[in-house]
């Protein structure tokens, strides 16, 4: 069945790829742009994907928001995790529907949104952050994305301990991830994954040393670069501007010591 636009839903109004607006659809609401206004009543009950004309005759495509839209158009009080990094973190952590994930810090919830999207409908993200004001913004962003039910926000310092046990992954985005390594090792199930985002190579190096010392295996660090292409006949070339270095992603897997294998054999 086609998706209908209902009162209270969000819609992305696309004028062109560089001018998109995510709007909450509400009865009686008028959305104003430099290309004229659009009455929300005109699209309520219609299918996502329709083209709607503004008061000045400009054509806007009314699209269903993607996960990328919810991340990039979120309310922000901190630097967010870009989708290129969030996608790689999800892949490296191997999370899926039903996974239990510990995350820190929440920030304003961009990465939390991606994690919650992939663990639903039976999984859970336990997101730690010491800044309650950040989590309040994250909660609003998660509610807007319809994902708050899959997240437990915890106003706690993850460097002091992790309450959860037998989790599938620990995902970190904080200044001192090496302080979390012992707690993460205890919280993870055997073969579970720790993935951490660090803006500087010094942070990534200290984390790598801590992971190896704690018994994590398969430890590696990468960075993810994303470059768009200018696609116009006769002018095809890489775009002048690109989202290049944002940070380093370090990951490792929990392995049981030899003594544990002998005791369980």
C-alpha atoms as a PDB file:
ATOM      1  CA  UNK A   1       0.000   0.000   0.000  1.00  0.00           C
ATOM      2  CA  UNK A   2       1.300   3.510  -0.838  1.00  0.00           C
ATOM      3  CA  UNK A   3       2.379   5.634   2.122  1.00  0.00           C
ATOM      4  CA  UNK A   4      -0.004   8.486   2.795  1.00  0.00           C
ATOM      5  CA  UNK A   5       0.954  11.833   4.314  1.00  0.00           C
ATOM      6  CA  UNK A   6      -0.982  12.238   7.538  1.00  0.00           C
ATOM      7  CA  UNK A   7      -1.518  15.137   9.895  1.00  0.00           C
ATOM      8  CA  UNK A   8       1.472  15.096  12.293  1.00  0.00           C
ATOM      9  CA  UNK A   9       3.872  13.344   9.892  1.00  0.00           C
ATOM     10  CA  UNK A  10       7.124  14.831   8.652  1.00  0.00           C
ATOM     11  CA  UNK A  11       7.735  15.479   4.981  1.00  0.00           C
ATOM     12  CA  UNK A  12      10.801  16.599   3.028  1.00  0.00           C
ATOM     13  CA  UNK A  13       9.943  19.280   0.478  1.00  0.00           C
ATOM     14  CA  UNK A  14      12.621  19.181  -2.222  1.00  0.00           C
ATOM     15  CA  UNK A  15      13.039  22.110  -4.584  1.00  0.00           C
ATOM     16  CA  UNK A  16      16.339  20.677  -5.848  1.00  0.00           C
ATOM     17  CA  UNK A  17      19.040  18.435  -4.308  1.00  0.00           C
ATOM     18  CA  UNK A  18      20.622  21.416  -2.563  1.00  0.00           C
ATOM     19  CA  UNK A  19      17.413  22.985  -1.261  1.00  0.00           C
ATOM     20  CA  UNK A  20      15.354  20.608   0.874  1.00  0.00           C
ATOM     21  CA  UNK A  21      13.169  21.380   3.875  1.00  0.00           C
ATOM     22  CA  UNK A  22      11.874  18.920   6.463  1.00  0.00           C
ATOM     23  CA  UNK A  23       8.498  20.115   7.705  1.00  0.00           C
ATOM     24  CA  UNK A  24       5.981  18.760  10.180  1.00  0.00           C
ATOM     25  CA  UNK A  25       2.639  18.441   8.428  1.00  0.00           C
ATOM     26  CA  UNK A  26      -0.130  20.041  10.479  1.00  0.00           C
ATOM     27  CA  UNK A  27      -3.691  20.971   9.587  1.00  0.00           C
ATOM     28  CA  UNK A  28      -3.907  24.700   8.805  1.00  0.00           C
ATOM     29  CA  UNK A  29      -0.122  25.172   8.655  1.00  0.00           C
ATOM     30  CA  UNK A  30       1.467  27.225   5.868  1.00  0.00           C
ATOM     31  CA  UNK A  31       5.142  26.693   5.001  1.00  0.00           C
ATOM     32  CA  UNK A  32       6.855  29.761   3.552  1.00  0.00           C
ATOM     33  CA  UNK A  33       9.841  29.691   1.194  1.00  0.00           C
ATOM     34  CA  UNK A  34      11.540  32.214  -1.092  1.00  0.00           C
ATOM     35  CA  UNK A  35       9.706  30.412  -3.905  1.00  0.00           C
ATOM     36  CA  UNK A  36       6.283  30.991  -2.385  1.00  0.00           C
ATOM     37  CA  UNK A  37       4.243  29.219   0.281  1.00  0.00           C
ATOM     38  CA  UNK A  38       2.735  25.735   0.475  1.00  0.00           C
ATOM     39  CA  UNK A  39      -0.407  24.905   2.410  1.00  0.00           C
ATOM     40  CA  UNK A  40      -0.047  21.666   4.352  1.00  0.00           C
ATOM     41  CA  UNK A  41      -3.764  20.946   3.902  1.00  0.00           C
ATOM     42  CA  UNK A  42      -2.996  20.483   0.188  1.00  0.00           C
ATOM     43  CA  UNK A  43      -0.802  17.442   0.862  1.00  0.00           C
ATOM     44  CA  UNK A  44      -2.540  15.771   3.823  1.00  0.00           C
ATOM     45  CA  UNK A  45      -3.981  12.464   2.650  1.00  0.00           C
ATOM     46  CA  UNK A  46      -1.868  12.439  -0.517  1.00  0.00           C
ATOM     47  CA  UNK A  47       0.895   9.940  -1.310  1.00  0.00           C
ATOM     48  CA  UNK A  48       4.527  10.622  -0.528  1.00  0.00           C
ATOM     49  CA  UNK A  49       6.308  11.422  -3.776  1.00  0.00           C
ATOM     50  CA  UNK A  50       3.733  13.810  -5.172  1.00  0.00           C
ATOM     51  CA  UNK A  51       4.783  17.126  -6.718  1.00  0.00           C
ATOM     52  CA  UNK A  52       3.168  20.159  -5.155  1.00  0.00           C
ATOM     53  CA  UNK A  53       3.125  23.715  -6.498  1.00  0.00           C
ATOM     54  CA  UNK A  54       3.887  26.705  -4.295  1.00  0.00           C
ATOM     55  CA  UNK A  55       1.890  29.934  -4.448  1.00  0.00           C
ATOM     56  CA  UNK A  56       4.461  31.234  -6.969  1.00  0.00           C
ATOM     57  CA  UNK A  57       4.287  28.119  -9.125  1.00  0.00           C
ATOM     58  CA  UNK A  58       7.525  26.473  -8.004  1.00  0.00           C
ATOM     59  CA  UNK A  59       7.483  22.666  -7.976  1.00  0.00           C
ATOM     60  CA  UNK A  60       8.416  20.817  -4.783  1.00  0.00           C
ATOM     61  CA  UNK A  61       8.607  17.030  -4.429  1.00  0.00           C
ATOM     62  CA  UNK A  62       6.981  15.901  -1.157  1.00  0.00           C
ATOM     63  CA  UNK A  63       9.160  13.002   0.005  1.00  0.00           C
ATOM     64  CA  UNK A  64       9.187  10.681   2.996  1.00  0.00           C
ATOM     65  CA  UNK A  65      12.171  11.563   5.224  1.00  0.00           C
ATOM     66  CA  UNK A  66      15.083   9.131   5.142  1.00  0.00           C
ATOM     67  CA  UNK A  67      17.343   8.235   8.057  1.00  0.00           C
ATOM     68  CA  UNK A  68      19.877  10.623   6.518  1.00  0.00           C
ATOM     69  CA  UNK A  69      17.295  13.433   6.651  1.00  0.00           C
ATOM     70  CA  UNK A  70      16.562  12.818  10.327  1.00  0.00           C
ATOM     71  CA  UNK A  71      20.292  12.928  11.106  1.00  0.00           C
ATOM     72  CA  UNK A  72      21.362  15.901   8.986  1.00  0.00           C
ATOM     73  CA  UNK A  73      18.288  18.008   9.764  1.00  0.00           C
ATOM     74  CA  UNK A  74      18.321  17.339  13.513  1.00  0.00           C
ATOM     75  CA  UNK A  75      18.460  20.062  16.154  1.00  0.00           C
ATOM     76  CA  UNK A  76      22.093  20.474  17.169  1.00  0.00           C
ATOM     77  CA  UNK A  77      23.991  21.689  20.202  1.00  0.00           C
ATOM     78  CA  UNK A  78      27.104  19.660  19.426  1.00  0.00           C
ATOM     79  CA  UNK A  79      28.982  18.491  16.345  1.00  0.00           C
ATOM     80  CA  UNK A  80      27.089  15.515  14.950  1.00  0.00           C
ATOM     81  CA  UNK A  81      28.410  12.211  13.632  1.00  0.00           C
ATOM     82  CA  UNK A  82      28.168  12.484   9.844  1.00  0.00           C
ATOM     83  CA  UNK A  83      26.195   9.798   8.001  1.00  0.00           C
ATOM     84  CA  UNK A  84      29.357   8.531   6.275  1.00  0.00           C
ATOM     85  CA  UNK A  85      30.871   7.717   9.680  1.00  0.00           C
ATOM     86  CA  UNK A  86      27.599   6.511  11.220  1.00  0.00           C
ATOM     87  CA  UNK A  87      27.121   4.048   8.347  1.00  0.00           C
ATOM     88  CA  UNK A  88      30.606   2.589   8.824  1.00  0.00           C
ATOM     89  CA  UNK A  89      30.137   2.398  12.601  1.00  0.00           C
ATOM     90  CA  UNK A  90      26.900   0.446  12.119  1.00  0.00           C
ATOM     91  CA  UNK A  91      28.619  -1.938   9.707  1.00  0.00           C
ATOM     92  CA  UNK A  92      31.660  -2.502  11.942  1.00  0.00           C
ATOM     93  CA  UNK A  93      29.531  -3.012  15.061  1.00  0.00           C
ATOM     94  CA  UNK A  94      27.422  -5.596  13.194  1.00  0.00           C
ATOM     95  CA  UNK A  95      24.238  -4.442  14.922  1.00  0.00           C
ATOM     96  CA  UNK A  96      20.843  -5.486  13.611  1.00  0.00           C
ATOM     97  CA  UNK A  97      17.249  -5.890  14.757  1.00  0.00           C
ATOM     98  CA  UNK A  98      17.321  -7.127  18.337  1.00  0.00           C
ATOM     99  CA  UNK A  99      20.848  -5.974  19.167  1.00  0.00           C
ATOM    100  CA  UNK A 100      21.594  -4.410  22.550  1.00  0.00           C
ATOM    101  CA  UNK A 101      24.030  -1.525  22.251  1.00  0.00           C
ATOM    102  CA  UNK A 102      25.721   0.735  24.798  1.00  0.00           C
ATOM    103  CA  UNK A 103      26.547   4.184  23.421  1.00  0.00           C
ATOM    104  CA  UNK A 104      28.404   7.196  24.837  1.00  0.00           C
ATOM    105  CA  UNK A 105      28.173  10.130  24.459  1.00  0.00           C
ATOM    106  CA  UNK A 106      24.721  10.871  23.282  1.00  0.00           C
ATOM    107  CA  UNK A 107      25.399  14.425  22.166  1.00  0.00           C
ATOM    108  CA  UNK A 108      22.279  15.583  20.398  1.00  0.00           C
ATOM    109  CA  UNK A 109      21.482  12.103  19.154  1.00  0.00           C
ATOM    110  CA  UNK A 110      22.625  11.860  15.526  1.00  0.00           C
ATOM    111  CA  UNK A 111      24.507   8.576  15.951  1.00  0.00           C
ATOM    112  CA  UNK A 112      21.917   7.417  18.490  1.00  0.00           C
ATOM    113  CA  UNK A 113      19.275   7.853  15.786  1.00  0.00           C
ATOM    114  CA  UNK A 114      21.195   5.610  13.389  1.00  0.00           C
ATOM    115  CA  UNK A 115      21.805   2.936  16.038  1.00  0.00           C
ATOM    116  CA  UNK A 116      18.160   2.937  17.153  1.00  0.00           C
ATOM    117  CA  UNK A 117      16.977   2.642  13.549  1.00  0.00           C
ATOM    118  CA  UNK A 118      18.900  -0.603  13.099  1.00  0.00           C
ATOM    119  CA  UNK A 119      18.156  -2.282  16.461  1.00  0.00           C
ATOM    120  CA  UNK A 120      14.384  -1.802  16.254  1.00  0.00           C
ATOM    121  CA  UNK A 121      11.878  -3.297  16.852  1.00  0.00           C
ATOM    122  CA  UNK A 122      13.225  -5.645  19.537  1.00  0.00           C
ATOM    123  CA  UNK A 123      16.636  -4.171  20.372  1.00  0.00           C
ATOM    124  CA  UNK A 124      17.724  -1.336  22.640  1.00  0.00           C
ATOM    125  CA  UNK A 125      20.322   1.432  22.732  1.00  0.00           C
ATOM    126  CA  UNK A 126      21.536   2.465  26.193  1.00  0.00           C
ATOM    127  CA  UNK A 127      22.973   5.924  25.642  1.00  0.00           C
ATOM    128  CA  UNK A 128      25.174   7.554  28.302  1.00  0.00           C
ATOM    129  CA  UNK A 129      26.037  11.249  28.555  1.00  0.00           C
ATOM    130  CA  UNK A 130      26.981  13.508  31.458  1.00  0.00           C
ATOM    131  CA  UNK A 131      25.308  16.544  29.842  1.00  0.00           C
ATOM    132  CA  UNK A 132      21.589  16.417  30.528  1.00  0.00           C
ATOM    133  CA  UNK A 133      20.918  19.426  28.274  1.00  0.00           C
ATOM    134  CA  UNK A 134      22.356  17.501  25.325  1.00  0.00           C
ATOM    135  CA  UNK A 135      20.163  14.502  26.066  1.00  0.00           C
ATOM    136  CA  UNK A 136      17.081  16.692  26.204  1.00  0.00           C
ATOM    137  CA  UNK A 137      17.788  17.778  22.627  1.00  0.00           C
ATOM    138  CA  UNK A 138      18.567  14.172  21.655  1.00  0.00           C
ATOM    139  CA  UNK A 139      15.223  13.061  23.070  1.00  0.00           C
ATOM    140  CA  UNK A 140      13.413  15.602  20.866  1.00  0.00           C
ATOM    141  CA  UNK A 141      15.313  14.431  17.793  1.00  0.00           C
ATOM    142  CA  UNK A 142      14.603  10.769  18.575  1.00  0.00           C
ATOM    143  CA  UNK A 143      10.906  11.462  19.086  1.00  0.00           C
ATOM    144  CA  UNK A 144      10.755  13.284  15.781  1.00  0.00           C
ATOM    145  CA  UNK A 145      12.323  10.259  14.079  1.00  0.00           C
ATOM    146  CA  UNK A 146       9.895   7.892  15.848  1.00  0.00           C
ATOM    147  CA  UNK A 147      12.756   6.036  17.574  1.00  0.00           C
ATOM    148  CA  UNK A 148      12.584   7.083  21.226  1.00  0.00           C
ATOM    149  CA  UNK A 149      11.023   3.746  22.271  1.00  0.00           C
ATOM    150  CA  UNK A 150      14.242   1.950  21.318  1.00  0.00           C
ATOM    151  CA  UNK A 151      16.557   4.166  23.384  1.00  0.00           C
ATOM    152  CA  UNK A 152      17.177   4.507  27.108  1.00  0.00           C
ATOM    153  CA  UNK A 153      18.882   7.821  27.839  1.00  0.00           C
ATOM    154  CA  UNK A 154      21.187   7.617  30.860  1.00  0.00           C
ATOM    155  CA  UNK A 155      22.536  10.814  32.421  1.00  0.00           C
ATOM    156  CA  UNK A 156      25.653   9.060  33.728  1.00  0.00           C
ATOM    157  CA  UNK A 157      29.436   9.054  33.250  1.00  0.00           C
ATOM    158  CA  UNK A 158      30.314   5.946  31.256  1.00  0.00           C
ATOM    159  CA  UNK A 159      33.970   6.166  32.363  1.00  0.00           C
ATOM    160  CA  UNK A 160      32.778   5.204  35.863  1.00  0.00           C
ATOM    161  CA  UNK A 161      31.055   2.025  34.738  1.00  0.00           C
ATOM    162  CA  UNK A 162      28.490   0.346  32.473  1.00  0.00           C
ATOM    163  CA  UNK A 163      25.427  -1.186  34.131  1.00  0.00           C
ATOM    164  CA  UNK A 164      24.414  -3.372  31.173  1.00  0.00           C
ATOM    165  CA  UNK A 165      25.907  -6.820  30.573  1.00  0.00           C
ATOM    166  CA  UNK A 166      26.008  -9.249  27.665  1.00  0.00           C
ATOM    167  CA  UNK A 167      25.584  -6.468  25.100  1.00  0.00           C
ATOM    168  CA  UNK A 168      26.354  -6.895  21.411  1.00  0.00           C
ATOM    169  CA  UNK A 169      28.288  -3.680  20.893  1.00  0.00           C
ATOM    170  CA  UNK A 170      29.718  -0.657  22.666  1.00  0.00           C
ATOM    171  CA  UNK A 171      29.883   2.498  20.542  1.00  0.00           C
ATOM    172  CA  UNK A 172      31.859   5.485  21.800  1.00  0.00           C
ATOM    173  CA  UNK A 173      32.198   9.112  20.781  1.00  0.00           C
ATOM    174  CA  UNK A 174      33.924  10.854  23.671  1.00  0.00           C
ATOM    175  CA  UNK A 175      37.255  12.466  24.511  1.00  0.00           C
ATOM    176  CA  UNK A 176      38.753   9.661  26.630  1.00  0.00           C
ATOM    177  CA  UNK A 177      37.515   6.343  25.196  1.00  0.00           C
ATOM    178  CA  UNK A 178      40.442   4.396  26.707  1.00  0.00           C
ATOM    179  CA  UNK A 179      38.940   4.958  30.162  1.00  0.00           C
ATOM    180  CA  UNK A 180      35.880   2.977  29.073  1.00  0.00           C
ATOM    181  CA  UNK A 181      37.745  -0.067  27.756  1.00  0.00           C
ATOM    182  CA  UNK A 182      37.693  -2.153  30.996  1.00  0.00           C
ATOM    183  CA  UNK A 183      33.978  -1.441  31.505  1.00  0.00           C
ATOM    184  CA  UNK A 184      33.258  -2.220  27.856  1.00  0.00           C
ATOM    185  CA  UNK A 185      35.096  -5.549  28.069  1.00  0.00           C
ATOM    186  CA  UNK A 186      32.945  -6.571  31.048  1.00  0.00           C
ATOM    187  CA  UNK A 187      29.721  -5.382  29.411  1.00  0.00           C
ATOM    188  CA  UNK A 188      30.249  -7.077  26.037  1.00  0.00           C
ATOM    189  CA  UNK A 189      29.291 -10.641  25.255  1.00  0.00           C
ATOM    190  CA  UNK A 190      32.154 -12.790  23.929  1.00  0.00           C
ATOM    191  CA  UNK A 191      32.946 -11.771  20.324  1.00  0.00           C
ATOM    192  CA  UNK A 192      31.120  -8.449  20.905  1.00  0.00           C
ATOM    193  CA  UNK A 193      32.450  -5.312  19.243  1.00  0.00           C
ATOM    194  CA  UNK A 194      33.716  -1.976  20.489  1.00  0.00           C
ATOM    195  CA  UNK A 195      33.691   0.849  17.948  1.00  0.00           C
ATOM    196  CA  UNK A 196      34.925   4.332  18.780  1.00  0.00           C
ATOM    197  CA  UNK A 197      35.023   7.627  16.878  1.00  0.00           C
ATOM    198  CA  UNK A 198      37.906   9.966  17.729  1.00  0.00           C
ATOM    199  CA  UNK A 199      38.698  13.314  16.078  1.00  0.00           C
ATOM    200  CA  UNK A 200      42.469  13.109  16.691  1.00  0.00           C
ATOM    201  CA  UNK A 201      45.023  10.402  15.963  1.00  0.00           C
ATOM    202  CA  UNK A 202      46.454  10.686  19.491  1.00  0.00           C
ATOM    203  CA  UNK A 203      43.091   9.623  20.921  1.00  0.00           C
ATOM    204  CA  UNK A 204      42.894   6.725  18.468  1.00  0.00           C
ATOM    205  CA  UNK A 205      46.420   5.593  19.409  1.00  0.00           C
ATOM    206  CA  UNK A 206      45.735   5.615  23.153  1.00  0.00           C
ATOM    207  CA  UNK A 207      42.523   3.699  22.590  1.00  0.00           C
ATOM    208  CA  UNK A 208      44.305   1.141  20.401  1.00  0.00           C
ATOM    209  CA  UNK A 209      46.888   0.514  23.112  1.00  0.00           C
ATOM    210  CA  UNK A 210      44.181   0.131  25.758  1.00  0.00           C
ATOM    211  CA  UNK A 211      42.153  -2.278  23.617  1.00  0.00           C
ATOM    212  CA  UNK A 212      45.141  -4.540  22.950  1.00  0.00           C
ATOM    213  CA  UNK A 213      46.161  -4.481  26.613  1.00  0.00           C
ATOM    214  CA  UNK A 214      42.622  -5.503  27.636  1.00  0.00           C
ATOM    215  CA  UNK A 215      42.564  -8.504  25.306  1.00  0.00           C
ATOM    216  CA  UNK A 216      40.563  -7.168  22.357  1.00  0.00           C
ATOM    217  CA  UNK A 217      41.490  -8.697  19.000  1.00  0.00           C
ATOM    218  CA  UNK A 218      41.218  -7.510  15.409  1.00  0.00           C
ATOM    219  CA  UNK A 219      41.938  -3.952  16.511  1.00  0.00           C
ATOM    220  CA  UNK A 220      42.173  -1.518  13.611  1.00  0.00           C
ATOM    221  CA  UNK A 221      41.704   2.171  12.866  1.00  0.00           C
ATOM    222  CA  UNK A 222      40.345   3.690   9.654  1.00  0.00           C
ATOM    223  CA  UNK A 223      39.003   6.982   8.395  1.00  0.00           C
ATOM    224  CA  UNK A 224      36.159   7.406   5.949  1.00  0.00           C
ATOM    225  CA  UNK A 225      36.329  10.043   3.204  1.00  0.00           C
ATOM    226  CA  UNK A 226      33.336  10.964   1.073  1.00  0.00           C
ATOM    227  CA  UNK A 227      33.698  12.874  -2.202  1.00  0.00           C
ATOM    228  CA  UNK A 228      30.797  13.852  -4.399  1.00  0.00           C
ATOM    229  CA  UNK A 229      30.952  14.135  -8.171  1.00  0.00           C
ATOM    230  CA  UNK A 230      29.805  16.989 -10.373  1.00  0.00           C
ATOM    231  CA  UNK A 231      27.673  15.204 -12.944  1.00  0.00           C
ATOM    232  CA  UNK A 232      27.060  17.479 -15.909  1.00  0.00           C
ATOM    233  CA  UNK A 233      27.878  16.514 -19.474  1.00  0.00           C
ATOM    234  CA  UNK A 234      31.191  18.070 -20.480  1.00  0.00           C
ATOM    235  CA  UNK A 235      31.963  19.103 -16.897  1.00  0.00           C
ATOM    236  CA  UNK A 236      32.179  15.796 -15.013  1.00  0.00           C
ATOM    237  CA  UNK A 237      34.745  16.074 -12.224  1.00  0.00           C
ATOM    238  CA  UNK A 238      35.081  15.665  -8.461  1.00  0.00           C
ATOM    239  CA  UNK A 239      33.292  18.391  -6.556  1.00  0.00           C
ATOM    240  CA  UNK A 240      35.522  21.197  -5.332  1.00  0.00           C
ATOM    241  CA  UNK A 241      34.298  20.783  -1.760  1.00  0.00           C
ATOM    242  CA  UNK A 242      34.074  17.453   0.039  1.00  0.00           C
ATOM    243  CA  UNK A 243      33.405  16.021   3.484  1.00  0.00           C
ATOM    244  CA  UNK A 244      36.943  14.789   4.051  1.00  0.00           C
ATOM    245  CA  UNK A 245      38.522  14.128   7.435  1.00  0.00           C
ATOM    246  CA  UNK A 246      36.034  14.114  10.290  1.00  0.00           C
ATOM    247  CA  UNK A 247      37.738  11.606  12.573  1.00  0.00           C
ATOM    248  CA  UNK A 248      39.177   8.142  13.078  1.00  0.00           C
ATOM    249  CA  UNK A 249      37.120   5.015  13.688  1.00  0.00           C
ATOM    250  CA  UNK A 250      38.767   2.350  15.862  1.00  0.00           C
ATOM    251  CA  UNK A 251      37.234  -1.071  16.427  1.00  0.00           C
ATOM    252  CA  UNK A 252      38.058  -4.342  18.171  1.00  0.00           C
ATOM    253  CA  UNK A 253      36.411  -7.624  19.194  1.00  0.00           C
ATOM    254  CA  UNK A 254      36.190  -9.140  22.676  1.00  0.00           C
ATOM    255  CA  UNK A 255      38.054 -12.449  22.900  1.00  0.00           C
ATOM    256  CA  UNK A 256      38.090 -14.720  25.932  1.00  0.00           C
ATOM    257  CA  UNK A 257      41.466 -15.483  27.498  1.00  0.00           C
ATOM    258  CA  UNK A 258      42.922 -18.981  27.147  1.00  0.00           C
ATOM    259  CA  UNK A 259      42.123 -19.780  30.799  1.00  0.00           C
ATOM    260  CA  UNK A 260      38.426 -19.196  30.136  1.00  0.00           C
ATOM    261  CA  UNK A 261      38.467 -21.651  27.217  1.00  0.00           C
ATOM    262  CA  UNK A 262      40.095 -24.320  29.366  1.00  0.00           C
ATOM    263  CA  UNK A 263      37.557 -23.865  32.140  1.00  0.00           C
ATOM    264  CA  UNK A 264      34.587 -24.175  29.795  1.00  0.00           C
ATOM    265  CA  UNK A 265      35.876 -27.082  27.698  1.00  0.00           C
END
